[in-house]
Amino acid sequence: MQNISIELTEKCSYKCIHCYCQMYSSKQQSMSAVLFSEILAYAIETETLCITLTGGEALLHDNFYEMYELAFDKGFLISVYSNGNCIPPHTLELFRDKPPFKIDISIYAMSDEIHNVITNTRLGIKPVIDNILALKVCNVPLTLKYVVLRQNISDLEHFIKFTENHNILNSITFANIPISIPAIKNKEFRISNCELKELLVRYPNRINIQSVDETMSCDIGNILHVTAGGLIKPCPVYSSPKILFNRKTIDEYVSKFRIPQGTVFCPAWEQLESRDSITMFLYGENNARK
């Protein structure tokens, strides 16, 4: 196993229009300290060096500080996925004194208006920017990931300039997988194929998509994702049988994590959208994959 992804909590300060967490129940579960310790023990047994702490918003777990410190002291390389909205001073000091391998912060806009539309909040982008700059001062390894949507494509250039001005690593991705809520598959947030093509031309070294004749690359089989409620999955978005984490039996199930035969695109994406529709989005009508 190359990496174990641990969803500490379903809680989040945002309600993003494109986020798969919309499919969660209203209970907003958080992982117990006992289960977290069990997962770390399993990681040690399987010689898994890298773990990812995610959510929801991982930093909203009531015991994030203690969980992070436990994993750090056991020698794991820790990646933290966050929206950057709330990083308390004591957590900032923790990251300074016991730095993670990296923190990935997802950015949805550079203006308050667009940020609030996407996140369904009134929090604005300023707290995120302030926390980013504070992490930078503390020399915490940091990558900012801009998630391109129809609503925020106009802010992309502002994001790139911000990261360049502050010498911060960045990546650009786009929200593509529909949100599946009973009887509804929402993809209204997604940019058009024409807009995608324009981005590929404008930022050829920043945005990549699977080429028409390229073999799909996927981490299924190389990572284990454990939900806040203790379910194991081959990746956070992929729908799979509901199996609870159990150190005694987990290897039997993990060994079965395989990319479904005949899969062309992301397996989780193909679960929610037809291959023809995905092809149209990525390549357009005149460059459809055969």
C-alpha atoms as a PDB file:
ATOM      1  CA  MET A   1       0.000   0.000   0.000  1.00  0.00           C
ATOM      2  CA  GLN A   2       1.495   3.334  -1.056  1.00  0.00           C
ATOM      3  CA  ASN A   3      -0.802   5.586   0.923  1.00  0.00           C
ATOM      4  CA  ILE A   4      -3.642   5.442   3.423  1.00  0.00           C
ATOM      5  CA  SER A   5      -6.159   8.269   3.143  1.00  0.00           C
ATOM      6  CA  ILE A   6      -7.988   8.930   6.409  1.00  0.00           C
ATOM      7  CA  GLU A   7     -11.196  10.934   6.456  1.00  0.00           C
ATOM      8  CA  LEU A   8     -11.101  12.389   9.956  1.00  0.00           C
ATOM      9  CA  THR A   9     -14.523  14.008   9.799  1.00  0.00           C
ATOM     10  CA  GLU A  10     -17.442  14.725   7.497  1.00  0.00           C
ATOM     11  CA  LYS A  11     -17.751  18.193   9.025  1.00  0.00           C
ATOM     12  CA  CYS A  12     -16.879  21.097   6.755  1.00  0.00           C
ATOM     13  CA  SER A  13     -17.171  24.864   6.975  1.00  0.00           C
ATOM     14  CA  TYR A  14     -18.172  24.921   3.297  1.00  0.00           C
ATOM     15  CA  LYS A  15     -21.035  23.422   1.302  1.00  0.00           C
ATOM     16  CA  CYS A  16     -19.407  23.507  -2.101  1.00  0.00           C
ATOM     17  CA  ILE A  17     -21.646  23.150  -5.123  1.00  0.00           C
ATOM     18  CA  HIS A  18     -19.376  20.532  -6.724  1.00  0.00           C
ATOM     19  CA  CYS A  19     -18.374  18.471  -3.674  1.00  0.00           C
ATOM     20  CA  TYR A  20     -19.177  14.769  -3.393  1.00  0.00           C
ATOM     21  CA  CYS A  21     -19.642  15.285   0.348  1.00  0.00           C
ATOM     22  CA  GLN A  22     -23.147  16.507  -0.484  1.00  0.00           C
ATOM     23  CA  MET A  23     -23.986  12.796  -0.591  1.00  0.00           C
ATOM     24  CA  TYR A  24     -23.220  12.453   3.122  1.00  0.00           C
ATOM     25  CA  SER A  25     -25.940  12.026   5.695  1.00  0.00           C
ATOM     26  CA  SER A  26     -26.725  14.966   7.943  1.00  0.00           C
ATOM     27  CA  LYS A  27     -25.027  13.216  10.885  1.00  0.00           C
ATOM     28  CA  GLN A  28     -21.550  14.488   9.941  1.00  0.00           C
ATOM     29  CA  GLN A  29     -19.603  11.688  11.566  1.00  0.00           C
ATOM     30  CA  SER A  30     -16.120  12.091  13.020  1.00  0.00           C
ATOM     31  CA  MET A  31     -13.555   9.321  13.388  1.00  0.00           C
ATOM     32  CA  SER A  32     -12.888   7.970  16.861  1.00  0.00           C
ATOM     33  CA  ALA A  33      -9.401   8.101  18.359  1.00  0.00           C
ATOM     34  CA  VAL A  34      -9.517   4.312  18.758  1.00  0.00           C
ATOM     35  CA  LEU A  35     -10.164   3.732  15.048  1.00  0.00           C
ATOM     36  CA  PHE A  36      -7.472   6.241  14.101  1.00  0.00           C
ATOM     37  CA  SER A  37      -4.939   4.397  16.250  1.00  0.00           C
ATOM     38  CA  GLU A  38      -5.983   1.092  14.657  1.00  0.00           C
ATOM     39  CA  ILE A  39      -5.405   2.517  11.189  1.00  0.00           C
ATOM     40  CA  LEU A  40      -1.938   3.750  12.157  1.00  0.00           C
ATOM     41  CA  ALA A  41      -1.131   0.314  13.589  1.00  0.00           C
ATOM     42  CA  TYR A  42      -2.214  -1.282  10.301  1.00  0.00           C
ATOM     43  CA  ALA A  43      -0.084   1.208   8.359  1.00  0.00           C
ATOM     44  CA  ILE A  44       2.935   0.232  10.447  1.00  0.00           C
ATOM     45  CA  GLU A  45       2.237  -3.476   9.917  1.00  0.00           C
ATOM     46  CA  THR A  46       2.022  -3.013   6.144  1.00  0.00           C
ATOM     47  CA  GLU A  47       5.033  -0.659   6.050  1.00  0.00           C
ATOM     48  CA  THR A  48       2.921   2.184   4.686  1.00  0.00           C
ATOM     49  CA  LEU A  49       4.908   5.361   5.192  1.00  0.00           C
ATOM     50  CA  CYS A  50       2.508   7.966   3.778  1.00  0.00           C
ATOM     51  CA  ILE A  51      -0.870   8.945   5.165  1.00  0.00           C
ATOM     52  CA  THR A  52      -3.280  11.668   4.106  1.00  0.00           C
ATOM     53  CA  LEU A  53      -5.592  13.421   6.547  1.00  0.00           C
ATOM     54  CA  THR A  54      -8.713  14.671   4.846  1.00  0.00           C
ATOM     55  CA  GLY A  55     -12.415  15.317   5.299  1.00  0.00           C
ATOM     56  CA  GLY A  56     -14.849  17.072   5.097  1.00  0.00           C
ATOM     57  CA  GLU A  57     -12.423  19.523   6.607  1.00  0.00           C
ATOM     58  CA  ALA A  58      -9.827  17.552   8.580  1.00  0.00           C
ATOM     59  CA  LEU A  59      -8.925  20.462  10.857  1.00  0.00           C
ATOM     60  CA  LEU A  60     -12.498  20.614  12.191  1.00  0.00           C
ATOM     61  CA  HIS A  61     -12.064  17.301  14.004  1.00  0.00           C
ATOM     62  CA  ASP A  62     -12.156  18.037  17.738  1.00  0.00           C
ATOM     63  CA  ASN A  63      -8.972  16.002  18.249  1.00  0.00           C
ATOM     64  CA  PHE A  64      -7.079  16.948  15.112  1.00  0.00           C
ATOM     65  CA  TYR A  65      -4.085  18.245  17.084  1.00  0.00           C
ATOM     66  CA  GLU A  66      -3.685  15.012  19.052  1.00  0.00           C
ATOM     67  CA  MET A  67      -4.249  12.769  16.014  1.00  0.00           C
ATOM     68  CA  TYR A  68      -1.768  14.669  13.876  1.00  0.00           C
ATOM     69  CA  GLU A  69       0.835  14.655  16.637  1.00  0.00           C
ATOM     70  CA  LEU A  70       0.386  10.913  17.175  1.00  0.00           C
ATOM     71  CA  ALA A  71       0.904  10.168  13.484  1.00  0.00           C
ATOM     72  CA  PHE A  72       3.887  12.521  13.258  1.00  0.00           C
ATOM     73  CA  ASP A  73       5.575  11.028  16.311  1.00  0.00           C
ATOM     74  CA  LYS A  74       5.208   7.555  14.794  1.00  0.00           C
ATOM     75  CA  GLY A  75       7.233   8.712  11.801  1.00  0.00           C
ATOM     76  CA  PHE A  76       4.592   8.971   9.078  1.00  0.00           C
ATOM     77  CA  LEU A  77       4.886  11.378   6.180  1.00  0.00           C
ATOM     78  CA  ILE A  78       1.641  13.306   6.562  1.00  0.00           C
ATOM     79  CA  SER A  79      -0.259  15.150   3.874  1.00  0.00           C
ATOM     80  CA  VAL A  80      -3.165  17.333   4.982  1.00  0.00           C
ATOM     81  CA  TYR A  81      -5.994  18.311   2.638  1.00  0.00           C
ATOM     82  CA  SER A  82      -7.776  21.462   3.734  1.00  0.00           C
ATOM     83  CA  ASN A  83      -9.845  24.390   2.522  1.00  0.00           C
ATOM     84  CA  GLY A  84      -7.623  26.681   4.612  1.00  0.00           C
ATOM     85  CA  ASN A  85     -10.515  28.548   6.179  1.00  0.00           C
ATOM     86  CA  CYS A  86      -9.802  27.725   9.817  1.00  0.00           C
ATOM     87  CA  ILE A  87      -6.273  27.065  11.070  1.00  0.00           C
ATOM     88  CA  PRO A  88      -6.145  27.915  14.797  1.00  0.00           C
ATOM     89  CA  PRO A  89      -2.902  29.442  16.172  1.00  0.00           C
ATOM     90  CA  HIS A  90      -2.021  26.276  18.129  1.00  0.00           C
ATOM     91  CA  THR A  91      -2.395  24.184  14.957  1.00  0.00           C
ATOM     92  CA  LEU A  92      -0.229  26.642  13.039  1.00  0.00           C
ATOM     93  CA  GLU A  93       2.424  26.242  15.736  1.00  0.00           C
ATOM     94  CA  LEU A  94       2.075  22.468  15.474  1.00  0.00           C
ATOM     95  CA  PHE A  95       2.692  22.573  11.708  1.00  0.00           C
ATOM     96  CA  ARG A  96       5.694  24.843  12.295  1.00  0.00           C
ATOM     97  CA  ASP A  97       7.259  22.593  14.942  1.00  0.00           C
ATOM     98  CA  LYS A  98       6.222  19.271  13.400  1.00  0.00           C
ATOM     99  CA  PRO A  99       5.862  20.040   9.708  1.00  0.00           C
ATOM    100  CA  PRO A 100       3.736  17.850   7.463  1.00  0.00           C
ATOM    101  CA  PHE A 101       5.084  16.407   4.244  1.00  0.00           C
ATOM    102  CA  LYS A 102       2.743  18.888   2.598  1.00  0.00           C
ATOM    103  CA  ILE A 103      -0.532  20.745   3.027  1.00  0.00           C
ATOM    104  CA  ASP A 104      -2.820  20.943   0.002  1.00  0.00           C
ATOM    105  CA  ILE A 105      -5.278  23.832   0.155  1.00  0.00           C
ATOM    106  CA  SER A 106      -8.119  23.949  -2.343  1.00  0.00           C
ATOM    107  CA  ILE A 107      -8.866  27.422  -3.688  1.00  0.00           C
ATOM    108  CA  TYR A 108     -12.224  28.159  -5.308  1.00  0.00           C
ATOM    109  CA  ALA A 109     -11.886  31.864  -6.098  1.00  0.00           C
ATOM    110  CA  MET A 110      -9.837  34.961  -5.389  1.00  0.00           C
ATOM    111  CA  SER A 111     -12.825  37.238  -4.817  1.00  0.00           C
ATOM    112  CA  ASP A 112     -15.332  37.088  -1.965  1.00  0.00           C
ATOM    113  CA  GLU A 113     -18.347  37.120  -4.249  1.00  0.00           C
ATOM    114  CA  ILE A 114     -17.365  34.095  -6.329  1.00  0.00           C
ATOM    115  CA  HIS A 115     -15.925  32.263  -3.324  1.00  0.00           C
ATOM    116  CA  ASN A 116     -19.181  32.605  -1.414  1.00  0.00           C
ATOM    117  CA  VAL A 117     -21.287  31.442  -4.367  1.00  0.00           C
ATOM    118  CA  ILE A 118     -19.233  28.257  -4.746  1.00  0.00           C
ATOM    119  CA  THR A 119     -18.919  27.469  -1.041  1.00  0.00           C
ATOM    120  CA  ASN A 120     -22.477  28.487  -0.125  1.00  0.00           C
ATOM    121  CA  THR A 121     -21.150  30.630   2.725  1.00  0.00           C
ATOM    122  CA  ARG A 122     -20.496  34.253   3.614  1.00  0.00           C
ATOM    123  CA  LEU A 123     -16.993  33.561   4.901  1.00  0.00           C
ATOM    124  CA  GLY A 124     -15.094  35.193   2.051  1.00  0.00           C
ATOM    125  CA  ILE A 125     -11.598  34.348   0.843  1.00  0.00           C
ATOM    126  CA  LYS A 126      -9.637  36.600   3.259  1.00  0.00           C
ATOM    127  CA  PRO A 127      -9.346  34.036   6.118  1.00  0.00           C
ATOM    128  CA  VAL A 128      -7.916  31.540   3.627  1.00  0.00           C
ATOM    129  CA  ILE A 129      -5.391  34.037   2.250  1.00  0.00           C
ATOM    130  CA  ASP A 130      -4.343  35.040   5.773  1.00  0.00           C
ATOM    131  CA  ASN A 131      -3.796  31.400   6.747  1.00  0.00           C
ATOM    132  CA  ILE A 132      -1.851  30.686   3.565  1.00  0.00           C
ATOM    133  CA  LEU A 133       0.512  33.572   4.285  1.00  0.00           C
ATOM    134  CA  ALA A 134       0.863  32.455   7.924  1.00  0.00           C
ATOM    135  CA  LEU A 135       1.803  28.936   6.783  1.00  0.00           C
ATOM    136  CA  LYS A 136       4.279  30.450   4.352  1.00  0.00           C
ATOM    137  CA  VAL A 137       5.936  32.448   7.159  1.00  0.00           C
ATOM    138  CA  CYS A 138       6.245  29.220   9.170  1.00  0.00           C
ATOM    139  CA  ASN A 139       7.924  27.485   6.201  1.00  0.00           C
ATOM    140  CA  VAL A 140       5.246  24.811   6.049  1.00  0.00           C
ATOM    141  CA  PRO A 141       5.360  22.852   2.734  1.00  0.00           C
ATOM    142  CA  LEU A 142       2.338  24.123   0.851  1.00  0.00           C
ATOM    143  CA  THR A 143       0.550  23.591  -2.453  1.00  0.00           C
ATOM    144  CA  LEU A 144      -2.476  25.578  -3.560  1.00  0.00           C
ATOM    145  CA  LYS A 145      -4.898  23.714  -5.819  1.00  0.00           C
ATOM    146  CA  TYR A 146      -7.276  25.792  -7.912  1.00  0.00           C
ATOM    147  CA  VAL A 147     -10.443  23.892  -8.755  1.00  0.00           C
ATOM    148  CA  VAL A 148     -11.830  25.328 -11.996  1.00  0.00           C
ATOM    149  CA  LEU A 149     -15.604  25.609 -12.243  1.00  0.00           C
ATOM    150  CA  ARG A 150     -17.917  27.536 -14.547  1.00  0.00           C
ATOM    151  CA  GLN A 151     -18.415  30.071 -11.741  1.00  0.00           C
ATOM    152  CA  ASN A 152     -14.724  30.822 -11.073  1.00  0.00           C
ATOM    153  CA  ILE A 153     -12.903  30.500 -14.385  1.00  0.00           C
ATOM    154  CA  SER A 154     -12.583  34.298 -14.524  1.00  0.00           C
ATOM    155  CA  ASP A 155     -10.502  34.294 -11.317  1.00  0.00           C
ATOM    156  CA  LEU A 156      -7.924  31.750 -12.509  1.00  0.00           C
ATOM    157  CA  GLU A 157      -5.356  34.282 -13.723  1.00  0.00           C
ATOM    158  CA  HIS A 158      -5.572  36.136 -10.391  1.00  0.00           C
ATOM    159  CA  PHE A 159      -4.820  32.860  -8.616  1.00  0.00           C
ATOM    160  CA  ILE A 160      -1.753  32.177 -10.762  1.00  0.00           C
ATOM    161  CA  LYS A 161      -0.386  35.674 -10.154  1.00  0.00           C
ATOM    162  CA  PHE A 162      -0.956  35.310  -6.399  1.00  0.00           C
ATOM    163  CA  THR A 163       1.006  32.043  -6.222  1.00  0.00           C
ATOM    164  CA  GLU A 164       3.798  33.453  -8.358  1.00  0.00           C
ATOM    165  CA  ASN A 165       4.040  36.654  -6.306  1.00  0.00           C
ATOM    166  CA  HIS A 166       4.323  34.632  -3.090  1.00  0.00           C
ATOM    167  CA  ASN A 167       6.423  31.817  -4.536  1.00  0.00           C
ATOM    168  CA  ILE A 168       3.910  29.098  -3.626  1.00  0.00           C
ATOM    169  CA  LEU A 169       3.534  25.841  -5.506  1.00  0.00           C
ATOM    170  CA  ASN A 170       0.251  25.575  -7.361  1.00  0.00           C
ATOM    171  CA  SER A 171      -1.775  23.125  -9.369  1.00  0.00           C
ATOM    172  CA  ILE A 172      -4.864  23.542 -11.515  1.00  0.00           C
ATOM    173  CA  THR A 173      -7.586  20.968 -11.812  1.00  0.00           C
ATOM    174  CA  PHE A 174     -11.207  21.085 -12.851  1.00  0.00           C
ATOM    175  CA  ALA A 175     -14.347  19.785 -11.207  1.00  0.00           C
ATOM    176  CA  ASN A 176     -15.605  17.046 -13.478  1.00  0.00           C
ATOM    177  CA  ILE A 177     -17.440  14.274 -11.639  1.00  0.00           C
ATOM    178  CA  PRO A 178     -21.212  14.860 -11.302  1.00  0.00           C
ATOM    179  CA  ILE A 179     -22.700  15.042  -7.842  1.00  0.00           C
ATOM    180  CA  SER A 180     -25.113  12.159  -7.407  1.00  0.00           C
ATOM    181  CA  ILE A 181     -27.975  12.918  -5.053  1.00  0.00           C
ATOM    182  CA  PRO A 182     -31.049  10.648  -5.242  1.00  0.00           C
ATOM    183  CA  ALA A 183     -32.664  11.117  -8.678  1.00  0.00           C
ATOM    184  CA  ILE A 184     -30.317  14.011  -9.535  1.00  0.00           C
ATOM    185  CA  LYS A 185     -26.911  14.094 -11.163  1.00  0.00           C
ATOM    186  CA  ASN A 186     -25.727  17.689 -10.977  1.00  0.00           C
ATOM    187  CA  LYS A 187     -22.982  18.875 -13.320  1.00  0.00           C
ATOM    188  CA  GLU A 188     -24.083  22.483 -13.786  1.00  0.00           C
ATOM    189  CA  PHE A 189     -20.851  23.649 -12.142  1.00  0.00           C
ATOM    190  CA  ARG A 190     -18.727  22.106 -14.881  1.00  0.00           C
ATOM    191  CA  ILE A 191     -16.993  24.180 -17.550  1.00  0.00           C
ATOM    192  CA  SER A 192     -17.762  23.479 -21.208  1.00  0.00           C
ATOM    193  CA  ASN A 193     -15.540  21.575 -23.616  1.00  0.00           C
ATOM    194  CA  CYS A 194     -14.797  24.864 -25.402  1.00  0.00           C
ATOM    195  CA  GLU A 195     -13.664  26.463 -22.132  1.00  0.00           C
ATOM    196  CA  LEU A 196     -11.562  23.403 -21.326  1.00  0.00           C
ATOM    197  CA  LYS A 197      -9.854  23.617 -24.723  1.00  0.00           C
ATOM    198  CA  GLU A 198      -9.120  27.302 -24.163  1.00  0.00           C
ATOM    199  CA  LEU A 199      -7.499  26.518 -20.809  1.00  0.00           C
ATOM    200  CA  LEU A 200      -5.363  23.779 -22.365  1.00  0.00           C
ATOM    201  CA  VAL A 201      -4.091  26.252 -24.940  1.00  0.00           C
ATOM    202  CA  ARG A 202      -3.568  29.084 -22.454  1.00  0.00           C
ATOM    203  CA  TYR A 203      -1.908  26.959 -19.765  1.00  0.00           C
ATOM    204  CA  PRO A 204      -0.332  23.985 -21.584  1.00  0.00           C
ATOM    205  CA  ASN A 205       2.131  23.249 -18.785  1.00  0.00           C
ATOM    206  CA  ARG A 206      -0.360  23.627 -15.953  1.00  0.00           C
ATOM    207  CA  ILE A 207      -3.408  21.634 -17.052  1.00  0.00           C
ATOM    208  CA  ASN A 208      -3.363  18.086 -18.334  1.00  0.00           C
ATOM    209  CA  ILE A 209      -6.122  15.747 -19.402  1.00  0.00           C
ATOM    210  CA  GLN A 210      -6.035  12.152 -20.495  1.00  0.00           C
ATOM    211  CA  SER A 211      -5.251  12.136 -24.223  1.00  0.00           C
ATOM    212  CA  VAL A 212      -7.544  10.394 -26.687  1.00  0.00           C
ATOM    213  CA  ASP A 213      -5.299   7.335 -27.019  1.00  0.00           C
ATOM    214  CA  GLU A 214      -3.782   7.347 -23.524  1.00  0.00           C
ATOM    215  CA  THR A 215      -4.134   4.461 -21.086  1.00  0.00           C
ATOM    216  CA  MET A 216      -5.999   5.571 -17.983  1.00  0.00           C
ATOM    217  CA  SER A 217      -3.981   6.039 -14.795  1.00  0.00           C
ATOM    218  CA  CYS A 218      -5.665   5.375 -11.448  1.00  0.00           C
ATOM    219  CA  ASP A 219      -4.563   4.847  -7.839  1.00  0.00           C
ATOM    220  CA  ILE A 220      -7.081   2.091  -7.131  1.00  0.00           C
ATOM    221  CA  GLY A 221      -5.107  -0.793  -5.686  1.00  0.00           C
ATOM    222  CA  ASN A 222      -2.340   1.498  -4.416  1.00  0.00           C
ATOM    223  CA  ILE A 223      -4.248   3.453  -1.793  1.00  0.00           C
ATOM    224  CA  LEU A 224      -6.707   2.673   0.963  1.00  0.00           C
ATOM    225  CA  HIS A 225      -9.324   5.222   1.980  1.00  0.00           C
ATOM    226  CA  VAL A 226     -11.008   4.944   5.372  1.00  0.00           C
ATOM    227  CA  THR A 227     -14.113   7.051   5.968  1.00  0.00           C
ATOM    228  CA  ALA A 228     -14.952   8.868   9.188  1.00  0.00           C
ATOM    229  CA  GLY A 229     -17.451   6.111   9.914  1.00  0.00           C
ATOM    230  CA  GLY A 230     -14.839   3.385   9.444  1.00  0.00           C
ATOM    231  CA  LEU A 231     -15.717   2.113   5.963  1.00  0.00           C
ATOM    232  CA  ILE A 232     -12.880   1.122   3.643  1.00  0.00           C
ATOM    233  CA  LYS A 233     -12.869   2.211   0.000  1.00  0.00           C
ATOM    234  CA  PRO A 234     -10.395   2.069  -2.888  1.00  0.00           C
ATOM    235  CA  CYS A 235     -10.687   5.855  -3.256  1.00  0.00           C
ATOM    236  CA  PRO A 236     -12.799   8.604  -1.651  1.00  0.00           C
ATOM    237  CA  VAL A 237     -15.254   8.962  -4.544  1.00  0.00           C
ATOM    238  CA  TYR A 238     -15.551   5.404  -5.846  1.00  0.00           C
ATOM    239  CA  SER A 239     -18.699   3.556  -4.721  1.00  0.00           C
ATOM    240  CA  SER A 240     -17.926   0.115  -3.337  1.00  0.00           C
ATOM    241  CA  PRO A 241     -19.491  -2.453  -0.958  1.00  0.00           C
ATOM    242  CA  LYS A 242     -19.811  -1.165   2.611  1.00  0.00           C
ATOM    243  CA  ILE A 243     -17.052  -2.938   4.536  1.00  0.00           C
ATOM    244  CA  LEU A 244     -15.895  -1.787   7.949  1.00  0.00           C
ATOM    245  CA  PHE A 245     -12.211  -1.441   8.759  1.00  0.00           C
ATOM    246  CA  ASN A 246     -10.967  -4.511  10.621  1.00  0.00           C
ATOM    247  CA  ARG A 247      -7.247  -5.225  10.943  1.00  0.00           C
ATOM    248  CA  LYS A 248      -7.849  -8.983  11.003  1.00  0.00           C
ATOM    249  CA  THR A 249      -9.754  -9.169   7.721  1.00  0.00           C
ATOM    250  CA  ILE A 250      -8.834  -6.029   5.813  1.00  0.00           C
ATOM    251  CA  ASP A 251      -6.127  -7.608   3.642  1.00  0.00           C
ATOM    252  CA  GLU A 252      -8.696  -9.926   2.091  1.00  0.00           C
ATOM    253  CA  TYR A 253     -10.704  -6.978   0.827  1.00  0.00           C
ATOM    254  CA  VAL A 254      -7.816  -4.694  -0.067  1.00  0.00           C
ATOM    255  CA  SER A 255      -6.394  -7.398  -2.334  1.00  0.00           C
ATOM    256  CA  LYS A 256      -9.613  -7.167  -4.376  1.00  0.00           C
ATOM    257  CA  PHE A 257      -9.282  -3.440  -5.056  1.00  0.00           C
ATOM    258  CA  ARG A 258      -8.810  -3.434  -8.809  1.00  0.00           C
ATOM    259  CA  ILE A 259      -9.703  -1.118 -11.672  1.00  0.00           C
ATOM    260  CA  PRO A 260     -12.794  -2.644 -13.310  1.00  0.00           C
ATOM    261  CA  GLN A 261     -11.968  -4.403 -16.556  1.00  0.00           C
ATOM    262  CA  GLY A 262     -12.668  -2.311 -19.636  1.00  0.00           C
ATOM    263  CA  THR A 263     -12.534   1.002 -17.768  1.00  0.00           C
ATOM    264  CA  VAL A 264     -11.438   3.863 -20.014  1.00  0.00           C
ATOM    265  CA  PHE A 265     -11.692   6.882 -17.727  1.00  0.00           C
ATOM    266  CA  CYS A 266     -11.685   7.430 -13.952  1.00  0.00           C
ATOM    267  CA  PRO A 267     -13.687   4.494 -12.500  1.00  0.00           C
ATOM    268  CA  ALA A 268     -15.566   6.777 -10.092  1.00  0.00           C
ATOM    269  CA  TRP A 269     -16.478   9.080 -12.970  1.00  0.00           C
ATOM    270  CA  GLU A 270     -17.715   6.186 -15.085  1.00  0.00           C
ATOM    271  CA  GLN A 271     -19.974   5.103 -12.212  1.00  0.00           C
ATOM    272  CA  LEU A 272     -21.873   8.388 -12.499  1.00  0.00           C
ATOM    273  CA  GLU A 273     -21.714   9.363 -16.166  1.00  0.00           C
ATOM    274  CA  SER A 274     -21.762   7.549 -19.481  1.00  0.00           C
ATOM    275  CA  ARG A 275     -18.531   7.087 -21.375  1.00  0.00           C
ATOM    276  CA  ASP A 276     -19.965   8.982 -24.357  1.00  0.00           C
ATOM    277  CA  SER A 277     -20.804  11.974 -22.161  1.00  0.00           C
ATOM    278  CA  ILE A 278     -17.326  11.975 -20.589  1.00  0.00           C
ATOM    279  CA  THR A 279     -15.782  11.798 -24.060  1.00  0.00           C
ATOM    280  CA  MET A 280     -17.813  14.793 -25.217  1.00  0.00           C
ATOM    281  CA  PHE A 281     -16.740  16.815 -22.189  1.00  0.00           C
ATOM    282  CA  LEU A 282     -13.021  16.029 -22.557  1.00  0.00           C
ATOM    283  CA  TYR A 283     -12.555  15.992 -26.316  1.00  0.00           C
ATOM    284  CA  GLY A 284     -15.642  17.410 -27.992  1.00  0.00           C
ATOM    285  CA  GLU A 285     -17.701  15.973 -30.788  1.00  0.00           C
ATOM    286  CA  ASN A 286     -14.984  16.112 -33.451  1.00  0.00           C
ATOM    287  CA  ASN A 287     -12.298  14.424 -31.359  1.00  0.00           C
ATOM    288  CA  ALA A 288     -14.289  11.672 -29.675  1.00  0.00           C
ATOM    289  CA  ARG A 289     -12.420   8.715 -28.332  1.00  0.00           C
ATOM    290  CA  LYS A 290     -13.149   5.506 -30.245  1.00  0.00           C
END
